[in-house]
Protein backbone atom coordinates (compact mmCIF):
# COMPACT_ATOMS: atom_id res chain seq x y z
CA UNK A 1 93.88 89.70 115.72
CA UNK A 2 93.89 93.69 115.62
CA UNK A 3 95.66 96.40 117.09
CA UNK A 4 94.37 97.98 119.67
CA UNK A 5 95.32 101.81 121.67
CA UNK A 6 94.32 101.48 125.22
CA UNK A 7 94.83 105.25 126.76
CA UNK A 8 94.82 105.19 130.60
CA UNK A 9 94.61 107.59 132.97
CA UNK A 10 96.90 107.01 136.04
CA UNK A 11 96.09 108.99 139.41
CA UNK A 12 97.61 112.29 139.83
CA UNK A 13 98.63 111.53 143.56
CA UNK A 14 99.34 107.56 144.02
CA UNK A 15 98.72 105.37 147.12
CA UNK A 16 101.47 103.05 148.49
CA UNK A 17 99.46 100.16 147.36
CA UNK A 18 100.06 101.64 143.88
CA UNK A 19 103.48 102.02 143.75
CA UNK A 20 104.45 98.56 145.44
CA UNK A 21 102.41 97.16 142.70
CA UNK A 22 104.61 98.94 139.91
CA UNK A 23 107.77 95.92 139.88
CA UNK A 24 104.56 93.54 139.25
CA UNK A 25 103.11 95.49 136.79
CA UNK A 26 105.76 96.20 135.14
CA UNK A 27 106.75 91.99 134.97
CA UNK A 28 103.21 91.84 133.82
CA UNK A 29 103.87 93.93 130.88
CA UNK A 30 107.54 92.35 130.43
CA UNK A 31 105.36 88.50 130.26
CA UNK A 32 102.96 90.55 127.37
CA UNK A 33 105.82 91.67 125.83
CA UNK A 34 107.48 88.21 125.11
CA UNK A 35 104.26 86.67 124.14
CA UNK A 36 103.60 89.64 121.22
CA UNK A 37 100.65 90.49 122.88
CA UNK A 38 102.04 93.91 124.14
CA UNK A 39 103.51 95.78 121.42
CA UNK A 40 104.10 98.93 123.01
CA UNK A 41 103.73 100.74 126.17
CA UNK A 42 104.30 104.23 127.11
CA UNK A 43 104.46 106.67 130.12
CA UNK A 44 104.14 109.93 129.61
CA UNK A 45 106.66 111.83 131.09
CA UNK A 46 104.70 113.88 134.10
CA UNK A 47 103.52 109.75 135.13
CA UNK A 48 99.54 110.61 134.19
CA UNK A 49 99.23 108.95 130.53
CA UNK A 50 100.13 105.79 129.36
CA UNK A 51 99.66 104.50 126.67
CA UNK A 52 99.47 100.68 125.26
CA UNK A 53 99.30 99.17 121.76
CA UNK A 54 98.44 95.41 121.66
CA UNK A 55 97.09 92.80 119.66
CA UNK A 56 93.60 91.11 120.46
CA UNK A 57 90.45 89.24 118.84
CA UNK A 58 88.54 91.84 119.84
CA UNK A 59 88.04 94.75 122.43
CA UNK A 60 86.33 92.69 124.82
CA UNK A 61 89.23 90.29 124.20
CA UNK A 62 91.45 93.89 125.04
CA UNK A 63 89.60 94.38 127.51
CA UNK A 64 89.98 91.42 129.33
CA UNK A 65 93.83 91.40 128.58
CA UNK A 66 94.08 95.34 130.22
CA UNK A 67 91.78 94.40 133.33
CA UNK A 68 94.62 91.33 134.02
CA UNK A 69 97.27 93.90 134.68
CA UNK A 70 98.38 94.22 139.06
CA UNK A 71 97.37 98.24 138.43
CA UNK A 72 94.01 97.62 137.19
CA UNK A 73 91.63 99.18 139.72
CA UNK A 74 93.70 102.69 139.34
CA UNK A 75 93.32 102.92 135.97
CA UNK A 76 90.73 105.12 133.61
CA UNK A 77 91.09 103.01 131.13
CA UNK A 78 89.91 103.97 126.77
CA UNK A 79 90.41 101.02 123.71
CA UNK A 80 90.90 102.33 121.12
CA UNK A 81 90.78 100.03 117.86
CA UNK A 82 93.57 100.36 115.17
CA UNK A 83 93.26 100.62 111.21
CA UNK A 84 97.05 100.06 111.56
CA UNK A 85 100.22 99.83 114.02
CA UNK A 86 103.21 100.91 113.02
CA UNK A 87 106.57 100.99 114.30
CA UNK A 88 110.52 100.96 113.70
CA UNK A 89 111.30 96.87 114.45
CA UNK A 90 115.02 96.86 116.25
CA UNK A 91 116.56 93.48 115.38
CA UNK A 92 120.02 92.59 117.01
CA UNK A 93 123.16 91.94 114.75
CA UNK A 94 122.67 88.60 113.29
CA UNK A 95 125.31 86.22 114.38
CA UNK A 96 127.01 83.84 112.07
CA UNK A 97 128.45 80.50 114.10
CA UNK A 98 130.53 79.89 110.76
């Protein structure tokens, strides 16, 4: 599997349709995160850019994954293959049942 950075330009004046799709967009992102496909999902403070890091077998597969997002019709995307993606892994404290 390869990591891909997805650089997304968002509309400067979101329509009501765009705004109504945000909850399903977030739910889809959360599902992909739970599956380990989407590694990070970040929105710029001015809400003009969205960045995602995902795993896929190829750029075509990454493109197909991005096309399934509810807001895809509003995206202008650029997908970049990454040499690597490092991140801080946070974990919950391990609980002992003893």
